[in-house]
Structure formats: structure tokens, C-alpha cells
N, C-alpha and C. Protein backbone atom coordinates (compact mmCIF):
# COMPACT_ATOMS: atom_id res chain seq x y z
N MET A 1 -1.32 16.53 -8.49
CA MET A 1 -2.06 15.77 -9.48
C MET A 1 -1.09 14.99 -10.37
N GLU A 2 0.05 15.58 -10.68
CA GLU A 2 1.04 14.92 -11.53
C GLU A 2 1.58 13.66 -10.84
N GLU A 3 1.82 13.75 -9.52
CA GLU A 3 2.31 12.59 -8.77
C GLU A 3 1.29 11.46 -8.81
N GLN A 4 0.00 11.82 -8.68
CA GLN A 4 -1.05 10.81 -8.73
C GLN A 4 -1.07 10.13 -10.09
N ASN A 5 -0.99 10.92 -11.15
CA ASN A 5 -1.01 10.34 -12.48
C ASN A 5 0.18 9.43 -12.70
N ASP A 6 1.35 9.82 -12.19
CA ASP A 6 2.52 8.95 -12.30
C ASP A 6 2.31 7.64 -11.56
N LEU A 7 1.74 7.73 -10.36
CA LEU A 7 1.47 6.52 -9.59
C LEU A 7 0.48 5.64 -10.34
N PHE A 8 -0.59 6.24 -10.83
CA PHE A 8 -1.59 5.46 -11.55
C PHE A 8 -0.99 4.81 -12.80
N LYS A 9 -0.15 5.53 -13.51
CA LYS A 9 0.47 4.97 -14.71
C LYS A 9 1.35 3.77 -14.37
N LYS A 10 2.01 3.83 -13.23
CA LYS A 10 2.86 2.72 -12.81
C LYS A 10 2.04 1.45 -12.56
N ILE A 11 0.80 1.64 -12.11
CA ILE A 11 -0.03 0.46 -11.85
C ILE A 11 -1.01 0.19 -12.99
N GLY A 12 -0.82 0.88 -14.12
CA GLY A 12 -1.59 0.56 -15.31
C GLY A 12 -2.88 1.35 -15.49
N ILE A 13 -3.02 2.46 -14.79
CA ILE A 13 -4.23 3.27 -14.91
C ILE A 13 -3.83 4.62 -15.47
N ASP A 14 -4.41 4.98 -16.61
CA ASP A 14 -4.10 6.25 -17.27
C ASP A 14 -5.36 7.10 -17.31
N ILE A 15 -5.29 8.26 -16.68
CA ILE A 15 -6.42 9.19 -16.66
C ILE A 15 -5.99 10.42 -17.43
N GLU A 16 -6.55 10.59 -18.61
CA GLU A 16 -6.13 11.68 -19.47
C GLU A 16 -7.26 12.03 -20.43
N ASN A 17 -7.40 13.30 -20.71
CA ASN A 17 -8.41 13.79 -21.66
C ASN A 17 -9.79 13.26 -21.32
N GLU A 18 -10.13 13.31 -20.03
CA GLU A 18 -11.43 12.90 -19.54
C GLU A 18 -11.75 11.44 -19.84
N LYS A 19 -10.73 10.62 -19.93
CA LYS A 19 -10.90 9.19 -20.17
C LYS A 19 -10.04 8.41 -19.18
N ILE A 20 -10.51 7.24 -18.82
CA ILE A 20 -9.76 6.35 -17.97
C ILE A 20 -9.44 5.10 -18.78
N GLU A 21 -8.15 4.79 -18.85
CA GLU A 21 -7.71 3.57 -19.51
C GLU A 21 -7.00 2.72 -18.49
N ILE A 22 -7.34 1.44 -18.46
CA ILE A 22 -6.71 0.52 -17.52
C ILE A 22 -5.99 -0.54 -18.33
N ASP A 23 -4.67 -0.58 -18.17
CA ASP A 23 -3.84 -1.60 -18.81
C ASP A 23 -3.79 -2.80 -17.85
N LEU A 24 -4.60 -3.80 -18.14
CA LEU A 24 -4.71 -4.94 -17.24
C LEU A 24 -3.39 -5.67 -17.06
N GLY A 25 -2.55 -5.66 -18.09
CA GLY A 25 -1.24 -6.29 -17.97
C GLY A 25 -0.38 -5.61 -16.93
N LYS A 26 -0.32 -4.26 -17.00
CA LYS A 26 0.47 -3.50 -16.02
C LYS A 26 -0.13 -3.63 -14.62
N THR A 27 -1.46 -3.55 -14.54
CA THR A 27 -2.12 -3.64 -13.25
C THR A 27 -1.85 -5.01 -12.62
N LYS A 28 -1.98 -6.05 -13.42
CA LYS A 28 -1.72 -7.40 -12.93
C LYS A 28 -0.26 -7.54 -12.52
N ALA A 29 0.65 -7.00 -13.32
CA ALA A 29 2.08 -7.08 -13.00
C ALA A 29 2.38 -6.35 -11.69
N PHE A 30 1.75 -5.18 -11.50
CA PHE A 30 1.96 -4.43 -10.26
C PHE A 30 1.51 -5.24 -9.05
N PHE A 31 0.30 -5.80 -9.13
CA PHE A 31 -0.21 -6.56 -7.99
C PHE A 31 0.56 -7.87 -7.79
N ASN A 32 1.02 -8.48 -8.87
CA ASN A 32 1.86 -9.67 -8.73
C ASN A 32 3.18 -9.32 -8.04
N SER A 33 3.76 -8.18 -8.42
CA SER A 33 5.00 -7.72 -7.80
C SER A 33 4.78 -7.43 -6.32
N LEU A 34 3.68 -6.76 -6.01
CA LEU A 34 3.34 -6.46 -4.63
C LEU A 34 3.14 -7.74 -3.84
N GLN A 35 2.42 -8.69 -4.43
CA GLN A 35 2.19 -9.98 -3.78
C GLN A 35 3.51 -10.69 -3.51
N SER A 36 4.39 -10.69 -4.50
CA SER A 36 5.69 -11.34 -4.35
C SER A 36 6.49 -10.71 -3.22
N MET A 37 6.50 -9.38 -3.19
CA MET A 37 7.25 -8.68 -2.15
C MET A 37 6.68 -9.01 -0.77
N LEU A 38 5.36 -9.00 -0.65
CA LEU A 38 4.73 -9.30 0.64
C LEU A 38 4.98 -10.75 1.05
N GLN A 39 4.97 -11.66 0.07
CA GLN A 39 5.26 -13.07 0.38
C GLN A 39 6.68 -13.23 0.88
N GLN A 40 7.62 -12.52 0.25
CA GLN A 40 9.02 -12.60 0.70
C GLN A 40 9.16 -12.08 2.12
N LYS A 41 8.49 -10.96 2.41
CA LYS A 41 8.55 -10.40 3.77
C LYS A 41 7.92 -11.37 4.77
N ALA A 42 6.79 -11.96 4.38
CA ALA A 42 6.10 -12.91 5.27
C ALA A 42 6.96 -14.14 5.51
N GLN A 43 7.63 -14.62 4.47
CA GLN A 43 8.51 -15.78 4.62
C GLN A 43 9.68 -15.46 5.56
N LYS A 44 10.22 -14.25 5.43
CA LYS A 44 11.32 -13.83 6.30
C LYS A 44 10.86 -13.78 7.76
N VAL A 45 9.67 -13.20 7.98
CA VAL A 45 9.12 -13.13 9.33
C VAL A 45 8.86 -14.55 9.85
N GLN A 46 8.30 -15.40 8.99
CA GLN A 46 8.03 -16.80 9.37
C GLN A 46 9.32 -17.51 9.76
N GLN A 47 10.36 -17.33 8.95
CA GLN A 47 11.66 -17.95 9.23
C GLN A 47 12.23 -17.44 10.55
N ASP A 48 12.15 -16.13 10.75
CA ASP A 48 12.65 -15.55 11.99
C ASP A 48 11.88 -16.09 13.19
N LEU A 49 10.55 -16.21 13.04
CA LEU A 49 9.75 -16.74 14.15
C LEU A 49 10.09 -18.20 14.42
N THR A 50 10.30 -18.97 13.35
CA THR A 50 10.67 -20.38 13.50
C THR A 50 12.01 -20.50 14.22
N GLU A 51 12.92 -19.61 13.90
CA GLU A 51 14.23 -19.62 14.54
C GLU A 51 14.21 -18.95 15.91
N GLY A 52 13.06 -18.41 16.27
CA GLY A 52 12.93 -17.79 17.59
C GLY A 52 13.49 -16.39 17.67
N LYS A 53 13.51 -15.69 16.55
CA LYS A 53 14.01 -14.32 16.59
C LYS A 53 13.20 -13.44 15.64
N LEU A 54 12.92 -12.27 16.07
CA LEU A 54 12.22 -11.30 15.25
C LEU A 54 12.52 -9.93 15.84
N ASP A 55 13.10 -9.04 15.05
CA ASP A 55 13.50 -7.74 15.57
C ASP A 55 12.92 -6.64 14.71
N MET A 56 11.79 -6.12 15.15
CA MET A 56 11.17 -4.97 14.51
C MET A 56 10.98 -3.89 15.57
N GLU A 57 11.92 -3.85 16.49
CA GLU A 57 11.81 -2.97 17.64
C GLU A 57 11.78 -1.50 17.24
N GLU A 58 12.64 -1.11 16.32
CA GLU A 58 12.72 0.30 15.92
C GLU A 58 11.46 0.76 15.21
N SER A 59 10.98 -0.02 14.24
CA SER A 59 9.88 0.46 13.42
C SER A 59 8.50 0.12 13.98
N VAL A 60 8.35 -1.06 14.56
CA VAL A 60 7.03 -1.52 14.99
C VAL A 60 6.93 -1.65 16.50
N GLY A 61 8.06 -1.79 17.15
CA GLY A 61 8.05 -1.91 18.61
C GLY A 61 7.96 -3.34 19.10
N ILE A 62 8.36 -4.32 18.26
CA ILE A 62 8.30 -5.72 18.64
C ILE A 62 9.67 -6.36 18.45
N LYS A 63 10.11 -7.07 19.49
CA LYS A 63 11.37 -7.81 19.40
C LYS A 63 11.16 -9.16 20.07
N ILE A 64 11.49 -10.22 19.32
CA ILE A 64 11.36 -11.58 19.84
C ILE A 64 12.70 -12.27 19.67
N ASP A 65 13.16 -12.90 20.75
CA ASP A 65 14.36 -13.73 20.65
C ASP A 65 14.10 -15.03 21.40
N ASP A 66 15.14 -15.82 21.61
CA ASP A 66 14.98 -17.13 22.25
C ASP A 66 14.44 -17.04 23.68
N GLU A 67 14.68 -15.93 24.34
CA GLU A 67 14.35 -15.85 25.75
C GLU A 67 13.23 -14.87 26.10
N GLN A 68 12.99 -13.88 25.23
CA GLN A 68 12.03 -12.82 25.59
C GLN A 68 11.21 -12.36 24.38
N ILE A 69 10.06 -11.83 24.71
CA ILE A 69 9.25 -11.11 23.73
C ILE A 69 9.04 -9.72 24.32
N LYS A 70 9.47 -8.71 23.58
CA LYS A 70 9.32 -7.32 24.03
C LYS A 70 8.39 -6.60 23.07
N ILE A 71 7.37 -5.95 23.63
CA ILE A 71 6.42 -5.20 22.81
C ILE A 71 6.31 -3.80 23.39
N ASP A 72 6.67 -2.81 22.60
CA ASP A 72 6.51 -1.42 22.98
C ASP A 72 5.16 -0.98 22.43
N LEU A 73 4.14 -0.93 23.29
CA LEU A 73 2.78 -0.65 22.86
C LEU A 73 2.65 0.71 22.19
N ALA A 74 3.40 1.69 22.65
CA ALA A 74 3.33 3.02 22.05
C ALA A 74 3.82 2.99 20.60
N LYS A 75 4.95 2.29 20.35
CA LYS A 75 5.47 2.20 18.98
C LYS A 75 4.55 1.37 18.10
N THR A 76 4.03 0.27 18.66
CA THR A 76 3.13 -0.59 17.88
C THR A 76 1.87 0.18 17.50
N LYS A 77 1.30 0.90 18.46
CA LYS A 77 0.10 1.69 18.18
C LYS A 77 0.40 2.76 17.14
N SER A 78 1.52 3.41 17.28
CA SER A 78 1.92 4.45 16.34
C SER A 78 2.08 3.87 14.93
N PHE A 79 2.72 2.71 14.83
CA PHE A 79 2.92 2.07 13.54
C PHE A 79 1.58 1.73 12.88
N ILE A 80 0.66 1.15 13.65
CA ILE A 80 -0.64 0.77 13.11
C ILE A 80 -1.43 2.01 12.70
N GLU A 81 -1.39 3.06 13.50
CA GLU A 81 -2.09 4.28 13.15
C GLU A 81 -1.51 4.91 11.88
N GLU A 82 -0.20 4.93 11.76
CA GLU A 82 0.45 5.51 10.59
C GLU A 82 0.10 4.70 9.34
N LEU A 83 0.14 3.38 9.46
CA LEU A 83 -0.21 2.53 8.33
C LEU A 83 -1.66 2.76 7.91
N GLY A 84 -2.54 2.84 8.89
CA GLY A 84 -3.95 3.11 8.60
C GLY A 84 -4.16 4.45 7.91
N GLN A 85 -3.43 5.47 8.36
CA GLN A 85 -3.54 6.79 7.76
C GLN A 85 -3.05 6.78 6.32
N ARG A 86 -1.97 6.06 6.06
CA ARG A 86 -1.45 5.98 4.70
C ARG A 86 -2.43 5.28 3.77
N ILE A 87 -2.99 4.19 4.25
CA ILE A 87 -3.98 3.47 3.43
C ILE A 87 -5.20 4.34 3.21
N GLU A 88 -5.67 5.00 4.24
CA GLU A 88 -6.84 5.87 4.14
C GLU A 88 -6.57 7.02 3.16
N GLY A 89 -5.39 7.61 3.23
CA GLY A 89 -5.02 8.69 2.32
C GLY A 89 -5.00 8.24 0.88
N PHE A 90 -4.44 7.06 0.64
CA PHE A 90 -4.39 6.52 -0.72
C PHE A 90 -5.80 6.28 -1.25
N VAL A 91 -6.66 5.69 -0.43
CA VAL A 91 -8.03 5.42 -0.85
C VAL A 91 -8.78 6.72 -1.11
N GLN A 92 -8.59 7.73 -0.27
CA GLN A 92 -9.25 9.02 -0.47
C GLN A 92 -8.80 9.68 -1.77
N GLU A 93 -7.52 9.63 -2.05
CA GLU A 93 -7.02 10.21 -3.30
C GLU A 93 -7.56 9.47 -4.50
N LEU A 94 -7.64 8.16 -4.40
CA LEU A 94 -8.21 7.35 -5.48
C LEU A 94 -9.68 7.70 -5.68
N ASP A 95 -10.43 7.84 -4.60
CA ASP A 95 -11.84 8.23 -4.68
C ASP A 95 -12.01 9.60 -5.33
N LYS A 96 -11.18 10.57 -4.91
CA LYS A 96 -11.25 11.92 -5.47
C LYS A 96 -10.99 11.91 -6.96
N THR A 97 -9.97 11.17 -7.36
CA THR A 97 -9.60 11.12 -8.78
C THR A 97 -10.71 10.49 -9.60
N VAL A 98 -11.27 9.40 -9.11
CA VAL A 98 -12.36 8.73 -9.83
C VAL A 98 -13.58 9.65 -9.89
N GLU A 99 -13.92 10.29 -8.78
CA GLU A 99 -15.08 11.20 -8.74
C GLU A 99 -14.88 12.37 -9.69
N LYS A 100 -13.69 12.94 -9.68
CA LYS A 100 -13.39 14.07 -10.55
C LYS A 100 -13.50 13.66 -12.02
N THR A 101 -12.98 12.50 -12.34
CA THR A 101 -13.04 12.01 -13.71
C THR A 101 -14.48 11.74 -14.13
N VAL A 102 -15.26 11.13 -13.25
CA VAL A 102 -16.67 10.87 -13.55
C VAL A 102 -17.41 12.18 -13.77
N ASN A 103 -17.16 13.17 -12.91
CA ASN A 103 -17.81 14.48 -13.06
C ASN A 103 -17.44 15.13 -14.39
N GLN A 104 -16.16 15.03 -14.76
CA GLN A 104 -15.73 15.60 -16.03
C GLN A 104 -16.42 14.90 -17.21
N LEU A 105 -16.55 13.60 -17.11
CA LEU A 105 -17.20 12.84 -18.19
C LEU A 105 -18.69 13.19 -18.27
N GLU A 106 -19.32 13.37 -17.10
CA GLU A 106 -20.74 13.73 -17.08
C GLU A 106 -20.97 15.12 -17.66
N LYS A 107 -20.06 16.06 -17.37
CA LYS A 107 -20.17 17.41 -17.91
C LYS A 107 -20.01 17.39 -19.43
N LYS A 108 -19.15 16.55 -19.89
CA LYS A 108 -18.90 16.46 -21.34
C LYS A 108 -20.13 15.89 -22.06
N ASP A 109 -20.83 14.97 -21.42
CA ASP A 109 -22.01 14.35 -22.01
C ASP A 109 -23.21 15.30 -22.05
N VAL A 110 -23.21 16.32 -21.18
CA VAL A 110 -24.36 17.23 -21.10
C VAL A 110 -24.39 18.19 -22.24
């Protein structure tokens, strides 16, 4: 629970004393930072593709160079499944935290 609260605080969400506070400045900054990071990665991939090279063989199972495109379907499938599981886990934890907080607030109102 402490790790979740730390994560939420980093993105501007504070859940404490049966209250939820959202710091829109921090939340916006977090998503802007995430957007910037993803744009940089996308630009790097775009540049590599333009130059005819892309090497994500170890992590994703894809390698592209001037002469060949190699795709390891097992690694690619594994990468996509792992990414999906991480996203699903994050969403589930977020749902649990929101549900728990709502339940606590409802109990307090009764």
C-alpha cells in the first residue's frame, strides 16, 4: 500500500485520511513528462527506421537493418503479453485503491 501511495503522490494523487486530493499541476507534469519520453523514443525509432536500422532483438524480438528484417515471434509475443500484464496490473491496483477509498468514504457518511 505504501508503494502505491508513493506512486500516486508522484503523479499528483494523494489518498489519505479517507480523502482523495489530485494536484492537477503534478498530474499534468507527470503526463507531459511521459509524453515527452514517449515522443523521444518514437523519434529515435523513426530515425532508425528512416536510416534502415532498428535493433530491439533482445527485448522485443525485432531487428531491422539495410538487408534484412528479423522477427522472433516468441519474443515479440512475450513482450506484448508482459506489457499487457503490467498495464492490467496497474489498472487493477488503481481500481482497488479507488474502490477502497470510496467504500471508506461511504462508511464514514453512514
